[in-house]
Amino acid sequence: MKKHLIAPSVLAADFTKLGQQIELVNNSEADWFHIDVMDGSFVPNISFGMFIIKAIKKIATKPLDVHLMIVNPEKYIEEVREAGADIISVHYEACPHIHRTLQQIKATGAKAGVALNPGTPVSVLDDILEDIDLVVLMSVNPGFGGQKFIYRTIEKTRALKEQITIRNTNTMIEIDGGVGLQNAEVILKAGADVLVAGSSVYKSEDPVDSISRLKNIIADTIIT
């Protein structure tokens, strides 16, 4: 059985100790760093940009999973890749020419992801599923960390996993928002491959242990 991946969200880190917080993940069982880039326009918050991605890349020993929560993401794809992104995800809702944007990401050598807001059905991916390496299902409304998990995401995960299986693509499903030990097993059983964990890791008493516990949950995929 293929092991699921854990991607701690840097947005929840203590930025007064960013170097230490990155090393913490380097020395844990985590697989990726999840980095949210927010512009204050597509989402009602501003996070960080290329300077921080470059700084993290200098220290990180694991791939950078960069989630662009921005309008006009196609303007920044090459710059994000040059800053150190290994996976670049753009929002379906922000891309009128999503197929072209996916091609643009892949041309840089990065893996291409598409993120969906809670109110966007997975059916919008029907015509592009074979072109996507990663689908990011937002399980909270994007913009802020620490929100409660939207349980409708479980049904969306099952539906998407079924399509991936039927069409035999290598697309991975990432769940982003409100993920923790209280719901990780049911999320994985629904078909998720990657868990983004922010507050449940960085705000815990022992982040390395929290990552280990999330990583070692055993959950066989059940599609019903």
C-alpha atoms as a PDB file:
ATOM      1  CA  MET A   1       0.000   0.000   0.000  1.00  0.00           C
ATOM      2  CA  LYS A   2       1.400   3.393  -1.031  1.00  0.00           C
ATOM      3  CA  LYS A   3       2.089   5.625   1.950  1.00  0.00           C
ATOM      4  CA  HIS A   4       0.353   8.985   2.120  1.00  0.00           C
ATOM      5  CA  LEU A   5       2.388  12.188   2.271  1.00  0.00           C
ATOM      6  CA  ILE A   6       2.466  14.909   4.930  1.00  0.00           C
ATOM      7  CA  ALA A   7       3.032  18.536   3.920  1.00  0.00           C
ATOM      8  CA  PRO A   8       3.343  20.902   6.922  1.00  0.00           C
ATOM      9  CA  SER A   9       2.044  24.371   6.072  1.00  0.00           C
ATOM     10  CA  VAL A  10       4.689  27.043   6.604  1.00  0.00           C
ATOM     11  CA  LEU A  11       1.917  29.631   7.047  1.00  0.00           C
ATOM     12  CA  ALA A  12       1.391  28.269  10.578  1.00  0.00           C
ATOM     13  CA  ALA A  13       5.084  28.458  11.505  1.00  0.00           C
ATOM     14  CA  ASP A  14       6.621  30.931  13.943  1.00  0.00           C
ATOM     15  CA  PHE A  15       8.295  33.402  11.585  1.00  0.00           C
ATOM     16  CA  THR A  16      10.538  34.754  14.339  1.00  0.00           C
ATOM     17  CA  LYS A  17      12.217  31.316  14.215  1.00  0.00           C
ATOM     18  CA  LEU A  18      11.726  30.417  10.572  1.00  0.00           C
ATOM     19  CA  GLY A  19      15.082  28.680  10.140  1.00  0.00           C
ATOM     20  CA  GLN A  20      14.421  26.448  13.143  1.00  0.00           C
ATOM     21  CA  GLN A  21      10.893  25.724  11.958  1.00  0.00           C
ATOM     22  CA  ILE A  22      12.197  24.601   8.546  1.00  0.00           C
ATOM     23  CA  GLU A  23      14.870  22.398  10.138  1.00  0.00           C
ATOM     24  CA  LEU A  24      12.158  20.863  12.320  1.00  0.00           C
ATOM     25  CA  VAL A  25      10.379  19.638   9.199  1.00  0.00           C
ATOM     26  CA  ASN A  26      13.669  18.579   7.571  1.00  0.00           C
ATOM     27  CA  ASN A  27      14.321  16.305  10.551  1.00  0.00           C
ATOM     28  CA  SER A  28      10.786  14.883  10.698  1.00  0.00           C
ATOM     29  CA  GLU A  29       8.861  12.256   8.735  1.00  0.00           C
ATOM     30  CA  ALA A  30       7.187  14.981   6.660  1.00  0.00           C
ATOM     31  CA  ASP A  31       7.474  14.731   2.870  1.00  0.00           C
ATOM     32  CA  TRP A  32       6.906  18.251   1.504  1.00  0.00           C
ATOM     33  CA  PHE A  33       6.795  21.858   2.634  1.00  0.00           C
ATOM     34  CA  HIS A  34       3.434  23.481   1.794  1.00  0.00           C
ATOM     35  CA  ILE A  35       3.800  27.185   1.030  1.00  0.00           C
ATOM     36  CA  ASP A  36       0.756  29.439   0.590  1.00  0.00           C
ATOM     37  CA  VAL A  37       1.242  32.567  -1.517  1.00  0.00           C
ATOM     38  CA  MET A  38      -1.663  35.002  -0.989  1.00  0.00           C
ATOM     39  CA  ASP A  39      -2.182  38.339  -2.700  1.00  0.00           C
ATOM     40  CA  GLY A  40      -4.967  40.017  -0.713  1.00  0.00           C
ATOM     41  CA  SER A  41      -7.124  39.989  -3.848  1.00  0.00           C
ATOM     42  CA  PHE A  42      -8.030  36.391  -4.671  1.00  0.00           C
ATOM     43  CA  VAL A  43      -8.140  35.724  -0.918  1.00  0.00           C
ATOM     44  CA  PRO A  44      -8.642  38.269   1.903  1.00  0.00           C
ATOM     45  CA  ASN A  45      -5.108  37.928   3.265  1.00  0.00           C
ATOM     46  CA  ILE A  46      -1.503  38.598   2.258  1.00  0.00           C
ATOM     47  CA  SER A  47       1.205  36.082   3.103  1.00  0.00           C
ATOM     48  CA  PHE A  48       4.614  36.058   1.441  1.00  0.00           C
ATOM     49  CA  GLY A  49       6.267  35.879  -1.952  1.00  0.00           C
ATOM     50  CA  MET A  50       9.464  34.984  -3.773  1.00  0.00           C
ATOM     51  CA  PHE A  51      11.861  36.227  -1.100  1.00  0.00           C
ATOM     52  CA  ILE A  52      10.505  33.781   1.496  1.00  0.00           C
ATOM     53  CA  ILE A  53      10.303  30.892  -0.991  1.00  0.00           C
ATOM     54  CA  LYS A  54      13.971  31.442  -1.882  1.00  0.00           C
ATOM     55  CA  ALA A  55      14.944  31.600   1.801  1.00  0.00           C
ATOM     56  CA  ILE A  56      13.097  28.349   2.573  1.00  0.00           C
ATOM     57  CA  LYS A  57      14.637  26.646  -0.468  1.00  0.00           C
ATOM     58  CA  LYS A  58      18.150  27.378   0.835  1.00  0.00           C
ATOM     59  CA  ILE A  59      17.445  25.351   3.988  1.00  0.00           C
ATOM     60  CA  ALA A  60      14.799  22.830   2.923  1.00  0.00           C
ATOM     61  CA  THR A  61      15.823  19.252   2.183  1.00  0.00           C
ATOM     62  CA  LYS A  62      12.344  18.305   0.957  1.00  0.00           C
ATOM     63  CA  PRO A  63      10.269  19.467  -2.030  1.00  0.00           C
ATOM     64  CA  LEU A  64       8.444  22.801  -1.938  1.00  0.00           C
ATOM     65  CA  ASP A  65       4.703  22.487  -2.654  1.00  0.00           C
ATOM     66  CA  VAL A  66       3.710  26.047  -3.561  1.00  0.00           C
ATOM     67  CA  HIS A  67       0.011  26.955  -3.579  1.00  0.00           C
ATOM     68  CA  LEU A  68      -0.730  30.189  -5.448  1.00  0.00           C
ATOM     69  CA  MET A  69      -3.856  31.818  -4.003  1.00  0.00           C
ATOM     70  CA  ILE A  70      -3.528  34.752  -6.375  1.00  0.00           C
ATOM     71  CA  VAL A  71      -5.170  36.353  -9.385  1.00  0.00           C
ATOM     72  CA  ASN A  72      -3.321  36.098 -12.701  1.00  0.00           C
ATOM     73  CA  PRO A  73      -1.011  33.312 -11.484  1.00  0.00           C
ATOM     74  CA  GLU A  74       0.298  32.796 -15.029  1.00  0.00           C
ATOM     75  CA  LYS A  75       2.321  36.021 -14.620  1.00  0.00           C
ATOM     76  CA  TYR A  76       4.408  34.478 -11.861  1.00  0.00           C
ATOM     77  CA  ILE A  77       4.845  30.792 -12.762  1.00  0.00           C
ATOM     78  CA  GLU A  78       8.432  31.050 -14.018  1.00  0.00           C
ATOM     79  CA  GLU A  79       9.468  33.270 -11.115  1.00  0.00           C
ATOM     80  CA  VAL A  80       7.960  30.883  -8.562  1.00  0.00           C
ATOM     81  CA  ARG A  81       9.778  27.973 -10.183  1.00  0.00           C
ATOM     82  CA  GLU A  82      13.081  29.879 -10.167  1.00  0.00           C
ATOM     83  CA  ALA A  83      12.537  30.695  -6.485  1.00  0.00           C
ATOM     84  CA  GLY A  84      12.511  26.965  -5.733  1.00  0.00           C
ATOM     85  CA  ALA A  85       9.022  25.513  -6.193  1.00  0.00           C
ATOM     86  CA  ASP A  86       8.899  21.808  -7.083  1.00  0.00           C
ATOM     87  CA  ILE A  87       5.088  21.667  -7.296  1.00  0.00           C
ATOM     88  CA  ILE A  88       3.028  24.704  -8.345  1.00  0.00           C
ATOM     89  CA  SER A  89      -0.739  24.727  -7.792  1.00  0.00           C
ATOM     90  CA  VAL A  90      -3.046  27.389  -9.187  1.00  0.00           C
ATOM     91  CA  HIS A  91      -6.723  27.918  -8.467  1.00  0.00           C
ATOM     92  CA  TYR A  92      -9.217  26.801 -11.083  1.00  0.00           C
ATOM     93  CA  GLU A  93     -11.297  29.845 -10.142  1.00  0.00           C
ATOM     94  CA  ALA A  94      -8.401  32.205 -10.987  1.00  0.00           C
ATOM     95  CA  CYS A  95      -7.517  30.706 -14.376  1.00  0.00           C
ATOM     96  CA  PRO A  96      -9.791  31.333 -17.368  1.00  0.00           C
ATOM     97  CA  HIS A  97      -7.342  29.320 -19.493  1.00  0.00           C
ATOM     98  CA  ILE A  98      -6.521  26.537 -17.042  1.00  0.00           C
ATOM     99  CA  HIS A  99      -5.184  24.056 -19.622  1.00  0.00           C
ATOM    100  CA  ARG A 100      -2.708  26.637 -20.923  1.00  0.00           C
ATOM    101  CA  THR A 101      -1.604  27.463 -17.363  1.00  0.00           C
ATOM    102  CA  LEU A 102      -0.987  23.774 -16.618  1.00  0.00           C
ATOM    103  CA  GLN A 103       1.147  23.524 -19.748  1.00  0.00           C
ATOM    104  CA  GLN A 104       3.039  26.623 -18.652  1.00  0.00           C
ATOM    105  CA  ILE A 105       3.807  25.073 -15.244  1.00  0.00           C
ATOM    106  CA  LYS A 106       4.971  21.800 -16.771  1.00  0.00           C
ATOM    107  CA  ALA A 107       7.221  23.659 -19.225  1.00  0.00           C
ATOM    108  CA  THR A 108       9.224  24.947 -16.241  1.00  0.00           C
ATOM    109  CA  GLY A 109       9.864  21.385 -15.051  1.00  0.00           C
ATOM    110  CA  ALA A 110       7.602  21.687 -12.001  1.00  0.00           C
ATOM    111  CA  LYS A 111       4.666  19.396 -11.258  1.00  0.00           C
ATOM    112  CA  ALA A 112       1.317  21.055 -12.011  1.00  0.00           C
ATOM    113  CA  GLY A 113      -1.523  21.315  -9.513  1.00  0.00           C
ATOM    114  CA  VAL A 114      -5.058  22.695  -9.548  1.00  0.00           C
ATOM    115  CA  ALA A 115      -6.737  23.912  -6.364  1.00  0.00           C
ATOM    116  CA  LEU A 116     -10.515  24.011  -5.879  1.00  0.00           C
ATOM    117  CA  ASN A 117     -12.383  26.187  -3.410  1.00  0.00           C
ATOM    118  CA  PRO A 118     -14.998  24.498  -1.163  1.00  0.00           C
ATOM    119  CA  GLY A 119     -17.845  25.671  -3.412  1.00  0.00           C
ATOM    120  CA  THR A 120     -16.306  24.389  -6.655  1.00  0.00           C
ATOM    121  CA  PRO A 121     -17.326  20.853  -7.725  1.00  0.00           C
ATOM    122  CA  VAL A 122     -14.680  18.343  -8.797  1.00  0.00           C
ATOM    123  CA  SER A 123     -16.580  17.848 -12.071  1.00  0.00           C
ATOM    124  CA  VAL A 124     -14.913  21.014 -13.438  1.00  0.00           C
ATOM    125  CA  LEU A 125     -11.740  18.921 -13.805  1.00  0.00           C
ATOM    126  CA  ASP A 126     -13.298  16.374 -16.176  1.00  0.00           C
ATOM    127  CA  ASP A 127     -11.595  17.742 -19.286  1.00  0.00           C
ATOM    128  CA  ILE A 128      -8.147  18.260 -17.750  1.00  0.00           C
ATOM    129  CA  LEU A 129      -7.691  15.442 -15.231  1.00  0.00           C
ATOM    130  CA  GLU A 130      -5.005  13.714 -17.320  1.00  0.00           C
ATOM    131  CA  ASP A 131      -2.982  16.955 -17.316  1.00  0.00           C
ATOM    132  CA  ILE A 132      -2.971  17.415 -13.532  1.00  0.00           C
ATOM    133  CA  ASP A 133      -0.318  16.017 -11.191  1.00  0.00           C
ATOM    134  CA  LEU A 134      -2.011  17.235  -8.001  1.00  0.00           C
ATOM    135  CA  VAL A 135      -5.537  18.359  -7.093  1.00  0.00           C
ATOM    136  CA  VAL A 136      -5.691  20.526  -3.974  1.00  0.00           C
ATOM    137  CA  LEU A 137      -9.142  20.277  -2.408  1.00  0.00           C
ATOM    138  CA  MET A 138      -9.636  23.218  -0.077  1.00  0.00           C
ATOM    139  CA  SER A 139     -11.368  21.953   3.047  1.00  0.00           C
ATOM    140  CA  VAL A 140     -11.662  25.479   4.460  1.00  0.00           C
ATOM    141  CA  ASN A 141     -12.300  28.789   2.718  1.00  0.00           C
ATOM    142  CA  PRO A 142      -8.838  29.883   1.578  1.00  0.00           C
ATOM    143  CA  GLY A 143      -7.070  32.822   3.157  1.00  0.00           C
ATOM    144  CA  PHE A 144      -6.507  32.025   6.822  1.00  0.00           C
ATOM    145  CA  GLY A 145      -5.102  29.147   8.853  1.00  0.00           C
ATOM    146  CA  GLY A 146      -6.747  27.543  11.866  1.00  0.00           C
ATOM    147  CA  GLN A 147     -10.248  27.157  10.373  1.00  0.00           C
ATOM    148  CA  LYS A 148     -12.629  24.228  10.916  1.00  0.00           C
ATOM    149  CA  PHE A 149     -12.664  21.417   8.387  1.00  0.00           C
ATOM    150  CA  ILE A 150     -15.604  21.422   5.934  1.00  0.00           C
ATOM    151  CA  TYR A 151     -16.821  17.806   5.923  1.00  0.00           C
ATOM    152  CA  ARG A 152     -18.393  18.027   2.478  1.00  0.00           C
ATOM    153  CA  THR A 153     -14.764  17.661   1.328  1.00  0.00           C
ATOM    154  CA  ILE A 154     -14.949  13.935   2.155  1.00  0.00           C
ATOM    155  CA  GLU A 155     -17.597  13.351  -0.521  1.00  0.00           C
ATOM    156  CA  LYS A 156     -15.652  15.453  -3.018  1.00  0.00           C
ATOM    157  CA  THR A 157     -12.533  13.394  -2.300  1.00  0.00           C
ATOM    158  CA  ARG A 158     -14.393  10.118  -2.902  1.00  0.00           C
ATOM    159  CA  ALA A 159     -15.875  11.391  -6.159  1.00  0.00           C
ATOM    160  CA  LEU A 160     -12.517  12.618  -7.421  1.00  0.00           C
ATOM    161  CA  LYS A 161     -10.716   9.417  -6.409  1.00  0.00           C
ATOM    162  CA  GLU A 162     -13.295   7.387  -8.304  1.00  0.00           C
ATOM    163  CA  GLN A 163     -12.635   9.379 -11.495  1.00  0.00           C
ATOM    164  CA  ILE A 164      -8.865   9.075 -11.078  1.00  0.00           C
ATOM    165  CA  THR A 165      -9.220   5.308 -10.664  1.00  0.00           C
ATOM    166  CA  ILE A 166     -11.592   4.907 -13.633  1.00  0.00           C
ATOM    167  CA  ARG A 167      -9.356   6.984 -15.898  1.00  0.00           C
ATOM    168  CA  ASN A 168      -6.147   5.452 -14.535  1.00  0.00           C
ATOM    169  CA  THR A 169      -4.303   8.754 -14.104  1.00  0.00           C
ATOM    170  CA  ASN A 170      -1.422   9.402 -11.700  1.00  0.00           C
ATOM    171  CA  THR A 171      -3.148  12.449 -10.217  1.00  0.00           C
ATOM    172  CA  MET A 172      -2.688  12.858  -6.460  1.00  0.00           C
ATOM    173  CA  ILE A 173      -5.291  14.373  -4.117  1.00  0.00           C
ATOM    174  CA  GLU A 174      -4.151  16.857  -1.482  1.00  0.00           C
ATOM    175  CA  ILE A 175      -6.454  18.050   1.314  1.00  0.00           C
ATOM    176  CA  ASP A 176      -5.732  21.537   2.615  1.00  0.00           C
ATOM    177  CA  GLY A 177      -7.355  23.093   5.664  1.00  0.00           C
ATOM    178  CA  GLY A 178      -8.420  21.973   9.121  1.00  0.00           C
ATOM    179  CA  VAL A 179      -6.582  18.654   8.874  1.00  0.00           C
ATOM    180  CA  GLY A 180      -5.452  16.983  12.102  1.00  0.00           C
ATOM    181  CA  LEU A 181      -5.384  13.716  13.982  1.00  0.00           C
ATOM    182  CA  GLN A 182      -9.128  14.050  14.646  1.00  0.00           C
ATOM    183  CA  ASN A 183     -10.058  13.653  10.961  1.00  0.00           C
ATOM    184  CA  ALA A 184      -6.972  12.392   9.090  1.00  0.00           C
ATOM    185  CA  GLU A 185      -8.081   8.756   8.996  1.00  0.00           C
ATOM    186  CA  VAL A 186     -11.484   9.451   7.421  1.00  0.00           C
ATOM    187  CA  ILE A 187      -9.825  11.811   4.903  1.00  0.00           C
ATOM    188  CA  LEU A 188      -7.325   9.133   3.895  1.00  0.00           C
ATOM    189  CA  LYS A 189     -10.018   6.465   3.637  1.00  0.00           C
ATOM    190  CA  ALA A 190     -11.884   8.723   1.215  1.00  0.00           C
ATOM    191  CA  GLY A 191      -8.871   8.616  -1.103  1.00  0.00           C
ATOM    192  CA  ALA A 192      -6.519  11.468  -0.173  1.00  0.00           C
ATOM    193  CA  ASP A 193      -2.809  11.106  -0.927  1.00  0.00           C
ATOM    194  CA  VAL A 194      -1.396  14.234   0.711  1.00  0.00           C
ATOM    195  CA  LEU A 195      -2.382  15.932   3.973  1.00  0.00           C
ATOM    196  CA  VAL A 196      -1.546  19.594   4.484  1.00  0.00           C
ATOM    197  CA  ALA A 197      -1.150  20.153   8.212  1.00  0.00           C
ATOM    198  CA  GLY A 198      -0.681  23.660   9.583  1.00  0.00           C
ATOM    199  CA  SER A 199      -1.892  24.441  13.083  1.00  0.00           C
ATOM    200  CA  SER A 200      -2.117  20.729  13.956  1.00  0.00           C
ATOM    201  CA  VAL A 201       1.668  20.544  13.513  1.00  0.00           C
ATOM    202  CA  TYR A 202       3.175  23.915  14.281  1.00  0.00           C
ATOM    203  CA  LYS A 203       0.827  24.794  17.153  1.00  0.00           C
ATOM    204  CA  SER A 204       1.187  21.389  18.835  1.00  0.00           C
ATOM    205  CA  GLU A 205       3.419  20.773  21.867  1.00  0.00           C
ATOM    206  CA  ASP A 206       5.609  18.370  19.862  1.00  0.00           C
ATOM    207  CA  PRO A 207       5.456  19.122  16.124  1.00  0.00           C
ATOM    208  CA  VAL A 208       7.790  16.274  15.132  1.00  0.00           C
ATOM    209  CA  ASP A 209       5.640  13.771  17.022  1.00  0.00           C
ATOM    210  CA  SER A 210       2.456  15.211  15.473  1.00  0.00           C
ATOM    211  CA  ILE A 211       3.949  14.764  11.994  1.00  0.00           C
ATOM    212  CA  SER A 212       4.946  11.189  12.854  1.00  0.00           C
ATOM    213  CA  ARG A 213       1.471  10.353  14.107  1.00  0.00           C
ATOM    214  CA  LEU A 214      -0.143  11.796  10.965  1.00  0.00           C
ATOM    215  CA  LYS A 215       2.325   9.954   8.759  1.00  0.00           C
ATOM    216  CA  ASN A 216       1.758   6.606  10.418  1.00  0.00           C
ATOM    217  CA  ILE A 217      -2.028   6.490  10.309  1.00  0.00           C
ATOM    218  CA  ILE A 218      -3.078   3.307   8.544  1.00  0.00           C
ATOM    219  CA  ALA A 219      -6.135   3.828   6.380  1.00  0.00           C
ATOM    220  CA  ASP A 220      -7.065   1.697   3.396  1.00  0.00           C
ATOM    221  CA  THR A 221      -8.877   3.668   0.721  1.00  0.00           C
ATOM    222  CA  ILE A 222     -12.598   2.928   0.659  1.00  0.00           C
ATOM    223  CA  ILE A 223     -14.668   4.242  -2.265  1.00  0.00           C
ATOM    224  CA  THR A 224     -18.426   3.927  -1.820  1.00  0.00           C
END
